[in-house]
Structure formats: C-alpha cells, structure tokens
C-alpha cells in the first residue's frame, strides 16, 4: 500500500533526503539522469542511519565506515557485502509515494 511521504519539489535531481513511511527509515534519492528511488535508510553493516551520508548524485557513502552504494540500483560498490533494500516509488500530481509492504532492510553478514 503506497503511502504519501513528501511533495516532489522537496527533492532535486542529484539530491537525497530522509523520509519515514510505516516506521521504515528511508533514503529518498534522485540520481543524476535517473528517477526518484527509495532505499533503506540504515547501513546494512551497523544499522547506522544514512541521513548524514554523502551523496554525489550517483554514489551514497556511509559516514561511519565509508561503505558505498550505487543509488541507481542499490548495489554495493565497496565492499561488496550487501545491497540496500529498495522500496517501490511512484510520483503522482506532485506527491511522492512509497510502498513498504514486503520490504525489509538488508543486513550484511557480520
């Protein structure tokens, strides 16, 4: 079930922001040249919040241990331990919606 999380004018191409949907902490990102995407908002390594992560328009870097992911896909770059869980997103009439049903944040092997 899709839930409203924000207006689409609160995120810009090449930017990201943290949103909450159904008690899930989610990074909402708009990669350069891509579409708005939603991924788990905690690092799979330590469950550290990614709210203060660096995002260069394509790559998200965890501020704690510098793990990186491609936010076009959620795939890990360095190290290759764990992808980020991705949430379905839709944008209608200037509003961003996310569906959390059946999505669980991923954890890296320890």
PDB file of N, CA and C in Angstrom:
ATOM      1  N   UNK A   1       0.845  -1.183   0.000  1.00  0.00           N
ATOM      2  CA  UNK A   1       0.000   0.000   0.000  1.00  0.00           C
ATOM      3  C   UNK A   1       0.890   1.245   0.000  1.00  0.00           C
ATOM      4  N   UNK A   2       0.756   2.045  -1.017  1.00  0.00           N
ATOM      5  CA  UNK A   2       1.574   3.239  -1.137  1.00  0.00           C
ATOM      6  C   UNK A   2       1.150   4.297  -0.124  1.00  0.00           C
ATOM      7  N   UNK A   3       2.169   4.943   0.478  1.00  0.00           N
ATOM      8  CA  UNK A   3       1.933   6.000   1.453  1.00  0.00           C
ATOM      9  C   UNK A   3       2.602   7.288   0.983  1.00  0.00           C
ATOM     10  N   UNK A   4       1.932   8.378   1.193  1.00  0.00           N
ATOM     11  CA  UNK A   4       2.482   9.689   0.853  1.00  0.00           C
ATOM     12  C   UNK A   4       3.646   9.984   1.794  1.00  0.00           C
ATOM     13  N   UNK A   5       4.792  10.418   1.219  1.00  0.00           N
ATOM     14  CA  UNK A   5       5.934  10.744   2.064  1.00  0.00           C
ATOM     15  C   UNK A   5       6.387  12.194   1.936  1.00  0.00           C
ATOM     16  N   UNK A   6       6.176  12.818   0.774  1.00  0.00           N
ATOM     17  CA  UNK A   6       6.575  14.218   0.617  1.00  0.00           C
ATOM     18  C   UNK A   6       6.101  14.732  -0.739  1.00  0.00           C
ATOM     19  N   UNK A   7       6.244  16.023  -0.942  1.00  0.00           N
ATOM     20  CA  UNK A   7       5.994  16.611  -2.255  1.00  0.00           C
ATOM     21  C   UNK A   7       7.246  16.434  -3.091  1.00  0.00           C
ATOM     22  N   UNK A   8       7.069  16.305  -4.396  1.00  0.00           N
ATOM     23  CA  UNK A   8       8.222  16.067  -5.263  1.00  0.00           C
ATOM     24  C   UNK A   8       9.153  17.269  -5.381  1.00  0.00           C
ATOM     25  N   UNK A   9       8.688  18.463  -5.006  1.00  0.00           N
ATOM     26  CA  UNK A   9       9.568  19.625  -5.083  1.00  0.00           C
ATOM     27  C   UNK A   9      10.473  19.761  -3.859  1.00  0.00           C
ATOM     28  N   UNK A  10      10.430  18.769  -2.940  1.00  0.00           N
ATOM     29  CA  UNK A  10      11.325  18.789  -1.777  1.00  0.00           C
ATOM     30  C   UNK A  10      12.571  17.939  -2.020  1.00  0.00           C
ATOM     31  N   UNK A  11      12.686  17.361  -3.208  1.00  0.00           N
ATOM     32  CA  UNK A  11      13.889  16.627  -3.596  1.00  0.00           C
ATOM     33  C   UNK A  11      14.260  17.053  -5.010  1.00  0.00           C
ATOM     34  N   UNK A  12      15.555  17.215  -5.235  1.00  0.00           N
ATOM     35  CA  UNK A  12      16.027  17.711  -6.521  1.00  0.00           C
ATOM     36  C   UNK A  12      16.941  16.683  -7.167  1.00  0.00           C
ATOM     37  N   UNK A  13      17.016  16.709  -8.493  1.00  0.00           N
ATOM     38  CA  UNK A  13      17.902  15.785  -9.196  1.00  0.00           C
ATOM     39  C   UNK A  13      19.326  15.942  -8.660  1.00  0.00           C
ATOM     40  N   UNK A  14      19.923  14.819  -8.298  1.00  0.00           N
ATOM     41  CA  UNK A  14      21.253  14.810  -7.705  1.00  0.00           C
ATOM     42  C   UNK A  14      21.230  14.914  -6.190  1.00  0.00           C
ATOM     43  N   UNK A  15      20.022  14.950  -5.612  1.00  0.00           N
ATOM     44  CA  UNK A  15      19.889  15.101  -4.160  1.00  0.00           C
ATOM     45  C   UNK A  15      19.219  13.915  -3.503  1.00  0.00           C
ATOM     46  N   UNK A  16      19.168  13.968  -2.184  1.00  0.00           N
ATOM     47  CA  UNK A  16      18.508  12.929  -1.400  1.00  0.00           C
ATOM     48  C   UNK A  16      17.949  13.547  -0.128  1.00  0.00           C
ATOM     49  N   UNK A  17      17.074  12.783   0.509  1.00  0.00           N
ATOM     50  CA  UNK A  17      16.527  13.203   1.798  1.00  0.00           C
ATOM     51  C   UNK A  17      16.024  11.977   2.528  1.00  0.00           C
ATOM     52  N   UNK A  18      15.888  12.096   3.824  1.00  0.00           N
ATOM     53  CA  UNK A  18      15.362  11.028   4.659  1.00  0.00           C
ATOM     54  C   UNK A  18      13.861  11.206   4.803  1.00  0.00           C
ATOM     55  N   UNK A  19      13.125  10.106   4.687  1.00  0.00           N
ATOM     56  CA  UNK A  19      11.682  10.119   4.932  1.00  0.00           C
ATOM     57  C   UNK A  19      11.336   8.912   5.791  1.00  0.00           C
ATOM     58  N   UNK A  20      10.160   8.942   6.377  1.00  0.00           N
ATOM     59  CA  UNK A  20       9.653   7.835   7.185  1.00  0.00           C
ATOM     60  C   UNK A  20       8.332   7.388   6.567  1.00  0.00           C
ATOM     61  N   UNK A  21       8.211   6.071   6.373  1.00  0.00           N
ATOM     62  CA  UNK A  21       6.956   5.503   5.871  1.00  0.00           C
ATOM     63  C   UNK A  21       6.698   4.216   6.637  1.00  0.00           C
ATOM     64  N   UNK A  22       5.571   4.152   7.309  1.00  0.00           N
ATOM     65  CA  UNK A  22       5.188   2.947   8.038  1.00  0.00           C
ATOM     66  C   UNK A  22       6.318   2.462   8.953  1.00  0.00           C
ATOM     67  N   UNK A  23       6.927   3.385   9.670  1.00  0.00           N
ATOM     68  CA  UNK A  23       8.014   3.132  10.620  1.00  0.00           C
ATOM     69  C   UNK A  23       9.303   2.658   9.962  1.00  0.00           C
ATOM     70  N   UNK A  24       9.417   2.775   8.643  1.00  0.00           N
ATOM     71  CA  UNK A  24      10.660   2.466   7.941  1.00  0.00           C
ATOM     72  C   UNK A  24      11.420   3.773   7.713  1.00  0.00           C
ATOM     73  N   UNK A  25      12.702   3.778   8.050  1.00  0.00           N
ATOM     74  CA  UNK A  25      13.575   4.905   7.752  1.00  0.00           C
ATOM     75  C   UNK A  25      14.080   4.690   6.329  1.00  0.00           C
ATOM     76  N   UNK A  26      13.830   5.675   5.469  1.00  0.00           N
ATOM     77  CA  UNK A  26      14.074   5.510   4.037  1.00  0.00           C
ATOM     78  C   UNK A  26      14.848   6.698   3.483  1.00  0.00           C
ATOM     79  N   UNK A  27      15.856   6.387   2.648  1.00  0.00           N
ATOM     80  CA  UNK A  27      16.551   7.420   1.886  1.00  0.00           C
ATOM     81  C   UNK A  27      15.826   7.550   0.548  1.00  0.00           C
ATOM     82  N   UNK A  28      15.328   8.732   0.289  1.00  0.00           N
ATOM     83  CA  UNK A  28      14.696   9.046  -0.986  1.00  0.00           C
ATOM     84  C   UNK A  28      15.745   9.797  -1.794  1.00  0.00           C
ATOM     85  N   UNK A  29      16.136   9.257  -2.940  1.00  0.00           N
ATOM     86  CA  UNK A  29      17.212   9.856  -3.735  1.00  0.00           C
ATOM     87  C   UNK A  29      16.771  10.018  -5.177  1.00  0.00           C
ATOM     88  N   UNK A  30      17.322  11.042  -5.807  1.00  0.00           N
ATOM     89  CA  UNK A  30      17.090  11.261  -7.228  1.00  0.00           C
ATOM     90  C   UNK A  30      18.454  11.303  -7.914  1.00  0.00           C
ATOM     91  N   UNK A  31      18.951  10.141  -8.356  1.00  0.00           N
ATOM     92  CA  UNK A  31      20.256  10.105  -9.025  1.00  0.00           C
ATOM     93  C   UNK A  31      20.247  10.966 -10.286  1.00  0.00           C
ATOM     94  N   UNK A  32      21.405  11.559 -10.587  1.00  0.00           N
ATOM     95  CA  UNK A  32      21.539  12.376 -11.795  1.00  0.00           C
ATOM     96  C   UNK A  32      21.183  11.559 -13.028  1.00  0.00           C
ATOM     97  N   UNK A  33      20.304  12.087 -13.857  1.00  0.00           N
ATOM     98  CA  UNK A  33      19.901  11.417 -15.079  1.00  0.00           C
ATOM     99  C   UNK A  33      18.973  10.234 -14.862  1.00  0.00           C
ATOM    100  N   UNK A  34      18.521  10.051 -13.635  1.00  0.00           N
ATOM    101  CA  UNK A  34      17.671   8.901 -13.329  1.00  0.00           C
ATOM    102  C   UNK A  34      16.305   9.311 -12.824  1.00  0.00           C
ATOM    103  N   UNK A  35      15.705   8.412 -12.060  1.00  0.00           N
ATOM    104  CA  UNK A  35      14.378   8.632 -11.487  1.00  0.00           C
ATOM    105  C   UNK A  35      14.482   8.602  -9.975  1.00  0.00           C
ATOM    106  N   UNK A  36      13.470   9.113  -9.295  1.00  0.00           N
ATOM    107  CA  UNK A  36      13.432   9.071  -7.838  1.00  0.00           C
ATOM    108  C   UNK A  36      13.377   7.620  -7.382  1.00  0.00           C
ATOM    109  N   UNK A  37      14.250   7.292  -6.430  1.00  0.00           N
ATOM    110  CA  UNK A  37      14.359   5.937  -5.883  1.00  0.00           C
ATOM    111  C   UNK A  37      14.264   6.002  -4.366  1.00  0.00           C
ATOM    112  N   UNK A  38      13.900   4.872  -3.754  1.00  0.00           N
ATOM    113  CA  UNK A  38      13.818   4.799  -2.292  1.00  0.00           C
ATOM    114  C   UNK A  38      14.547   3.546  -1.816  1.00  0.00           C
ATOM    115  N   UNK A  39      15.444   3.718  -0.841  1.00  0.00           N
ATOM    116  CA  UNK A  39      16.230   2.628  -0.287  1.00  0.00           C
ATOM    117  C   UNK A  39      16.204   2.687   1.234  1.00  0.00           C
ATOM    118  N   UNK A  40      16.546   1.561   1.858  1.00  0.00           N
ATOM    119  CA  UNK A  40      16.623   1.556   3.318  1.00  0.00           C
ATOM    120  C   UNK A  40      17.517   2.687   3.779  1.00  0.00           C
ATOM    121  N   UNK A  41      17.144   3.299   4.880  1.00  0.00           N
ATOM    122  CA  UNK A  41      17.860   4.466   5.381  1.00  0.00           C
ATOM    123  C   UNK A  41      18.850   4.159   6.478  1.00  0.00           C
ATOM    124  N   UNK A  42      19.214   2.879   6.622  1.00  0.00           N
ATOM    125  CA  UNK A  42      20.231   2.491   7.597  1.00  0.00           C
ATOM    126  C   UNK A  42      21.277   1.622   6.900  1.00  0.00           C
ATOM    127  N   UNK A  43      22.511   1.754   7.337  1.00  0.00           N
ATOM    128  CA  UNK A  43      23.609   0.982   6.767  1.00  0.00           C
ATOM    129  C   UNK A  43      23.436  -0.493   7.117  1.00  0.00           C
ATOM    130  N   UNK A  44      23.580  -1.387   6.145  1.00  0.00           N
ATOM    131  CA  UNK A  44      23.436  -2.812   6.426  1.00  0.00           C
ATOM    132  C   UNK A  44      24.565  -3.363   7.299  1.00  0.00           C
ATOM    133  N   UNK A  45      25.644  -2.624   7.421  1.00  0.00           N
ATOM    134  CA  UNK A  45      26.791  -3.044   8.214  1.00  0.00           C
ATOM    135  C   UNK A  45      26.524  -2.881   9.704  1.00  0.00           C
ATOM    136  N   UNK A  46      26.014  -1.720  10.098  1.00  0.00           N
ATOM    137  CA  UNK A  46      25.851  -1.408  11.528  1.00  0.00           C
ATOM    138  C   UNK A  46      24.467  -0.889  11.894  1.00  0.00           C
ATOM    139  N   UNK A  47      23.582  -0.794  10.924  1.00  0.00           N
ATOM    140  CA  UNK A  47      22.264  -0.169  11.101  1.00  0.00           C
ATOM    141  C   UNK A  47      22.375   1.312  11.452  1.00  0.00           C
ATOM    142  N   UNK A  48      23.508   1.914  11.129  1.00  0.00           N
ATOM    143  CA  UNK A  48      23.719   3.338  11.362  1.00  0.00           C
ATOM    144  C   UNK A  48      22.853   4.138  10.386  1.00  0.00           C
ATOM    145  N   UNK A  49      22.159   5.169  10.870  1.00  0.00           N
ATOM    146  CA  UNK A  49      21.309   5.963   9.973  1.00  0.00           C
ATOM    147  C   UNK A  49      22.124   6.627   8.857  1.00  0.00           C
ATOM    148  N   UNK A  50      21.580   6.611   7.652  1.00  0.00           N
ATOM    149  CA  UNK A  50      22.265   7.178   6.492  1.00  0.00           C
ATOM    150  C   UNK A  50      21.834   8.618   6.210  1.00  0.00           C
ATOM    151  N   UNK A  51      21.167   9.226   7.149  1.00  0.00           N
ATOM    152  CA  UNK A  51      20.680  10.593   6.967  1.00  0.00           C
ATOM    153  C   UNK A  51      21.811  11.572   6.657  1.00  0.00           C
ATOM    154  N   UNK A  52      22.981  11.372   7.253  1.00  0.00           N
ATOM    155  CA  UNK A  52      24.109  12.275   7.045  1.00  0.00           C
ATOM    156  C   UNK A  52      25.114  11.717   6.034  1.00  0.00           C
ATOM    157  N   UNK A  53      24.709  10.695   5.285  1.00  0.00           N
ATOM    158  CA  UNK A  53      25.587  10.116   4.276  1.00  0.00           C
ATOM    159  C   UNK A  53      25.853  11.127   3.169  1.00  0.00           C
ATOM    160  N   UNK A  54      26.980  10.979   2.517  1.00  0.00           N
ATOM    161  CA  UNK A  54      27.318  11.818   1.373  1.00  0.00           C
ATOM    162  C   UNK A  54      26.702  11.201   0.118  1.00  0.00           C
ATOM    163  N   UNK A  55      26.117  12.037  -0.723  1.00  0.00           N
ATOM    164  CA  UNK A  55      25.535  11.581  -1.982  1.00  0.00           C
ATOM    165  C   UNK A  55      26.014  12.508  -3.081  1.00  0.00           C
ATOM    166  N   UNK A  56      26.732  11.949  -4.065  1.00  0.00           N
ATOM    167  CA  UNK A  56      27.301  12.772  -5.133  1.00  0.00           C
ATOM    168  C   UNK A  56      26.436  12.796  -6.395  1.00  0.00           C
ATOM    169  N   UNK A  57      25.209  12.335  -6.269  1.00  0.00           N
ATOM    170  CA  UNK A  57      24.317  12.280  -7.427  1.00  0.00           C
ATOM    171  C   UNK A  57      24.207  10.887  -8.010  1.00  0.00           C
ATOM    172  N   UNK A  58      25.110   9.997  -7.584  1.00  0.00           N
ATOM    173  CA  UNK A  58      25.053   8.601  -8.006  1.00  0.00           C
ATOM    174  C   UNK A  58      25.437   7.655  -6.872  1.00  0.00           C
ATOM    175  N   UNK A  59      26.490   8.005  -6.130  1.00  0.00           N
ATOM    176  CA  UNK A  59      27.026   7.126  -5.098  1.00  0.00           C
ATOM    177  C   UNK A  59      26.712   7.676  -3.704  1.00  0.00           C
ATOM    178  N   UNK A  60      26.182   6.791  -2.858  1.00  0.00           N
ATOM    179  CA  UNK A  60      25.907   7.110  -1.461  1.00  0.00           C
ATOM    180  C   UNK A  60      27.046   6.534  -0.627  1.00  0.00           C
ATOM    181  N   UNK A  61      27.599   7.335   0.286  1.00  0.00           N
ATOM    182  CA  UNK A  61      28.710   6.900   1.135  1.00  0.00           C
ATOM    183  C   UNK A  61      28.305   7.023   2.592  1.00  0.00           C
ATOM    184  N   UNK A  62      28.346   5.894   3.313  1.00  0.00           N
ATOM    185  CA  UNK A  62      28.013   5.877   4.730  1.00  0.00           C
ATOM    186  C   UNK A  62      29.031   6.716   5.504  1.00  0.00           C
ATOM    187  N   UNK A  63      28.576   7.593   6.400  1.00  0.00           N
ATOM    188  CA  UNK A  63      29.503   8.450   7.135  1.00  0.00           C
ATOM    189  C   UNK A  63      30.306   7.707   8.210  1.00  0.00           C
ATOM    190  N   UNK A  64      29.900   6.511   8.570  1.00  0.00           N
ATOM    191  CA  UNK A  64      30.571   5.801   9.659  1.00  0.00           C
ATOM    192  C   UNK A  64      31.803   5.028   9.193  1.00  0.00           C
ATOM    193  N   UNK A  65      31.662   4.188   8.162  1.00  0.00           N
ATOM    194  CA  UNK A  65      32.782   3.366   7.699  1.00  0.00           C
ATOM    195  C   UNK A  65      33.032   3.493   6.198  1.00  0.00           C
ATOM    196  N   UNK A  66      32.412   4.452   5.541  1.00  0.00           N
ATOM    197  CA  UNK A  66      32.633   4.749   4.120  1.00  0.00           C
ATOM    198  C   UNK A  66      32.204   3.627   3.172  1.00  0.00           C
ATOM    199  N   UNK A  67      31.253   2.793   3.577  1.00  0.00           N
ATOM    200  CA  UNK A  67      30.670   1.837   2.625  1.00  0.00           C
ATOM    201  C   UNK A  67      29.941   2.642   1.561  1.00  0.00           C
ATOM    202  N   UNK A  68      29.899   2.131   0.319  1.00  0.00           N
ATOM    203  CA  UNK A  68      29.282   2.882  -0.774  1.00  0.00           C
ATOM    204  C   UNK A  68      28.312   2.024  -1.573  1.00  0.00           C
ATOM    205  N   UNK A  69      27.279   2.696  -2.134  1.00  0.00           N
ATOM    206  CA  UNK A  69      26.255   2.044  -2.956  1.00  0.00           C
ATOM    207  C   UNK A  69      25.926   2.928  -4.140  1.00  0.00           C
ATOM    208  N   UNK A  70      25.573   2.293  -5.253  1.00  0.00           N
ATOM    209  CA  UNK A  70      25.076   2.985  -6.426  1.00  0.00           C
ATOM    210  C   UNK A  70      23.572   3.184  -6.220  1.00  0.00           C
ATOM    211  N   UNK A  71      23.114   4.426  -6.163  1.00  0.00           N
ATOM    212  CA  UNK A  71      21.696   4.663  -5.892  1.00  0.00           C
ATOM    213  C   UNK A  71      20.833   4.666  -7.149  1.00  0.00           C
ATOM    214  N   UNK A  72      21.382   4.269  -8.276  1.00  0.00           N
ATOM    215  CA  UNK A  72      20.535   3.940  -9.416  1.00  0.00           C
ATOM    216  C   UNK A  72      19.960   2.541  -9.235  1.00  0.00           C
ATOM    217  N   UNK A  73      20.719   1.690  -8.494  1.00  0.00           N
ATOM    218  CA  UNK A  73      20.329   0.286  -8.347  1.00  0.00           C
ATOM    219  C   UNK A  73      20.269  -0.211  -6.907  1.00  0.00           C
ATOM    220  N   UNK A  74      20.972   0.456  -5.998  1.00  0.00           N
ATOM    221  CA  UNK A  74      21.087  -0.022  -4.620  1.00  0.00           C
ATOM    222  C   UNK A  74      22.209  -1.019  -4.450  1.00  0.00           C
ATOM    223  N   UNK A  75      22.923  -1.331  -5.543  1.00  0.00           N
ATOM    224  CA  UNK A  75      24.006  -2.316  -5.500  1.00  0.00           C
ATOM    225  C   UNK A  75      25.203  -1.771  -4.725  1.00  0.00           C
ATOM    226  N   UNK A  76      25.865  -2.644  -3.964  1.00  0.00           N
ATOM    227  CA  UNK A  76      27.051  -2.210  -3.232  1.00  0.00           C
ATOM    228  C   UNK A  76      28.215  -1.964  -4.191  1.00  0.00           C
ATOM    229  N   UNK A  77      29.034  -0.972  -3.858  1.00  0.00           N
ATOM    230  CA  UNK A  77      30.245  -0.697  -4.629  1.00  0.00           C
ATOM    231  C   UNK A  77      31.455  -1.186  -3.831  1.00  0.00           C
ATOM    232  N   UNK A  78      31.583  -0.685  -2.607  1.00  0.00           N
ATOM    233  CA  UNK A  78      32.708  -1.067  -1.767  1.00  0.00           C
ATOM    234  C   UNK A  78      32.263  -1.077  -0.321  1.00  0.00           C
ATOM    235  N   UNK A  79      32.385  -2.167   0.370  1.00  0.00           N
ATOM    236  CA  UNK A  79      32.705  -3.508  -0.115  1.00  0.00           C
ATOM    237  C   UNK A  79      31.463  -4.130  -0.756  1.00  0.00           C
ATOM    238  N   UNK A  80      31.608  -5.311  -1.286  1.00  0.00           N
ATOM    239  CA  UNK A  80      30.516  -5.997  -1.980  1.00  0.00           C
ATOM    240  C   UNK A  80      29.661  -6.817  -1.019  1.00  0.00           C
ATOM    241  N   UNK A  81      29.558  -6.427   0.230  1.00  0.00           N
ATOM    242  CA  UNK A  81      28.888  -7.233   1.253  1.00  0.00           C
ATOM    243  C   UNK A  81      27.367  -7.245   1.154  1.00  0.00           C
ATOM    244  N   UNK A  82      26.767  -6.089   0.939  1.00  0.00           N
ATOM    245  CA  UNK A  82      25.309  -6.065   0.993  1.00  0.00           C
ATOM    246  C   UNK A  82      24.723  -4.901   0.213  1.00  0.00           C
ATOM    247  N   UNK A  83      23.706  -5.202  -0.561  1.00  0.00           N
ATOM    248  CA  UNK A  83      22.938  -4.166  -1.258  1.00  0.00           C
ATOM    249  C   UNK A  83      22.015  -3.467  -0.267  1.00  0.00           C
ATOM    250  N   UNK A  84      21.408  -2.404  -0.713  1.00  0.00           N
ATOM    251  CA  UNK A  84      20.376  -1.727   0.067  1.00  0.00           C
ATOM    252  C   UNK A  84      19.017  -2.227  -0.405  1.00  0.00           C
ATOM    253  N   UNK A  85      18.114  -2.457   0.525  1.00  0.00           N
ATOM    254  CA  UNK A  85      16.743  -2.831   0.156  1.00  0.00           C
ATOM    255  C   UNK A  85      16.097  -1.647  -0.556  1.00  0.00           C
ATOM    256  N   UNK A  86      15.376  -1.942  -1.627  1.00  0.00           N
ATOM    257  CA  UNK A  86      14.719  -0.895  -2.410  1.00  0.00           C
ATOM    258  C   UNK A  86      13.213  -0.975  -2.226  1.00  0.00           C
ATOM    259  N   UNK A  87      12.579   0.185  -2.124  1.00  0.00           N
ATOM    260  CA  UNK A  87      11.133   0.296  -1.959  1.00  0.00           C
ATOM    261  C   UNK A  87      10.511   0.798  -3.255  1.00  0.00           C
ATOM    262  N   UNK A  88       9.344   0.287  -3.628  1.00  0.00           N
ATOM    263  CA  UNK A  88       8.635   0.833  -4.783  1.00  0.00           C
ATOM    264  C   UNK A  88       8.252   2.302  -4.544  1.00  0.00           C
ATOM    265  N   UNK A  89       8.399   3.109  -5.578  1.00  0.00           N
ATOM    266  CA  UNK A  89       8.100   4.548  -5.517  1.00  0.00           C
ATOM    267  C   UNK A  89       7.192   4.911  -6.678  1.00  0.00           C
ATOM    268  N   UNK A  90       6.274   5.825  -6.426  1.00  0.00           N
ATOM    269  CA  UNK A  90       5.522   6.432  -7.527  1.00  0.00           C
ATOM    270  C   UNK A  90       5.334   7.905  -7.208  1.00  0.00           C
ATOM    271  N   UNK A  91       5.265   8.696  -8.259  1.00  0.00           N
ATOM    272  CA  UNK A  91       5.043  10.134  -8.136  1.00  0.00           C
ATOM    273  C   UNK A  91       3.782  10.465  -8.911  1.00  0.00           C
ATOM    274  N   UNK A  92       2.808  11.040  -8.220  1.00  0.00           N
ATOM    275  CA  UNK A  92       1.545  11.424  -8.857  1.00  0.00           C
ATOM    276  C   UNK A  92       1.132  12.808  -8.386  1.00  0.00           C
ATOM    277  N   UNK A  93       0.790  13.657  -9.316  1.00  0.00           N
ATOM    278  CA  UNK A  93       0.295  15.001  -9.008  1.00  0.00           C
ATOM    279  C   UNK A  93       1.199  15.744  -8.034  1.00  0.00           C
ATOM    280  N   UNK A  94       2.528  15.606  -8.221  1.00  0.00           N
ATOM    281  CA  UNK A  94       3.472  16.344  -7.393  1.00  0.00           C
ATOM    282  C   UNK A  94       3.716  15.759  -6.023  1.00  0.00           C
ATOM    283  N   UNK A  95       3.256  14.533  -5.779  1.00  0.00           N
ATOM    284  CA  UNK A  95       3.428  13.888  -4.476  1.00  0.00           C
ATOM    285  C   UNK A  95       4.173  12.568  -4.668  1.00  0.00           C
ATOM    286  N   UNK A  96       5.138  12.295  -3.759  1.00  0.00           N
ATOM    287  CA  UNK A  96       5.909  11.054  -3.794  1.00  0.00           C
ATOM    288  C   UNK A  96       5.286  10.062  -2.819  1.00  0.00           C
ATOM    289  N   UNK A  97       5.077   8.842  -3.307  1.00  0.00           N
ATOM    290  CA  UNK A  97       4.509   7.761  -2.506  1.00  0.00           C
ATOM    291  C   UNK A  97       5.494   6.591  -2.478  1.00  0.00           C
ATOM    292  N   UNK A  98       5.561   5.903  -1.328  1.00  0.00           N
ATOM    293  CA  UNK A  98       6.422   4.731  -1.169  1.00  0.00           C
ATOM    294  C   UNK A  98       5.583   3.586  -0.620  1.00  0.00           C
ATOM    295  N   UNK A  99       5.856   2.380  -1.129  1.00  0.00           N
ATOM    296  CA  UNK A  99       5.196   1.165  -0.639  1.00  0.00           C
ATOM    297  C   UNK A  99       6.212   0.371   0.176  1.00  0.00           C
ATOM    298  N   UNK A 100       5.929   0.145   1.454  1.00  0.00           N
ATOM    299  CA  UNK A 100       6.852  -0.586   2.329  1.00  0.00           C
ATOM    300  C   UNK A 100       6.472  -2.067   2.483  1.00  0.00           C
ATOM    301  N   UNK A 101       5.314  -2.431   1.964  1.00  0.00           N
ATOM    302  CA  UNK A 101       4.826  -3.797   2.167  1.00  0.00           C
ATOM    303  C   UNK A 101       5.793  -4.828   1.584  1.00  0.00           C
ATOM    304  N   UNK A 102       6.199  -5.758   2.417  1.00  0.00           N
ATOM    305  CA  UNK A 102       7.068  -6.841   1.993  1.00  0.00           C
ATOM    306  C   UNK A 102       8.540  -6.483   1.871  1.00  0.00           C
ATOM    307  N   UNK A 103       8.921  -5.261   2.222  1.00  0.00           N
ATOM    308  CA  UNK A 103      10.317  -4.849   2.137  1.00  0.00           C
ATOM    309  C   UNK A 103      10.910  -4.810   3.544  1.00  0.00           C
ATOM    310  N   UNK A 104      12.054  -5.465   3.700  1.00  0.00           N
ATOM    311  CA  UNK A 104      12.771  -5.491   4.974  1.00  0.00           C
ATOM    312  C   UNK A 104      14.186  -5.001   4.719  1.00  0.00           C
ATOM    313  N   UNK A 105      14.683  -4.079   5.558  1.00  0.00           N
ATOM    314  CA  UNK A 105      16.082  -3.639   5.386  1.00  0.00           C
ATOM    315  C   UNK A 105      17.028  -4.837   5.427  1.00  0.00           C
ATOM    316  N   UNK A 106      18.032  -4.791   4.561  1.00  0.00           N
ATOM    317  CA  UNK A 106      19.012  -5.865   4.467  1.00  0.00           C
ATOM    318  C   UNK A 106      20.149  -5.648   5.461  1.00  0.00           C
ATOM    319  N   UNK A 107      20.722  -6.744   5.941  1.00  0.00           N
ATOM    320  CA  UNK A 107      21.863  -6.676   6.857  1.00  0.00           C
ATOM    321  C   UNK A 107      23.030  -7.421   6.237  1.00  0.00           C
ATOM    322  N   UNK A 108      24.203  -6.887   6.400  1.00  0.00           N
ATOM    323  CA  UNK A 108      25.411  -7.527   5.887  1.00  0.00           C
ATOM    324  C   UNK A 108      25.809  -8.652   6.826  1.00  0.00           C
ATOM    325  N   UNK A 109      26.449  -9.693   6.293  1.00  0.00           N
ATOM    326  CA  UNK A 109      26.991 -10.731   7.172  1.00  0.00           C
ATOM    327  C   UNK A 109      28.020 -10.106   8.091  1.00  0.00           C
ATOM    328  N   UNK A 110      28.047 -10.522   9.316  1.00  0.00           N
ATOM    329  CA  UNK A 110      28.996  -9.911  10.282  1.00  0.00           C
ATOM    330  C   UNK A 110      30.194 -10.765  10.489  1.00  0.00           C
TER     331      UNK A 110
END
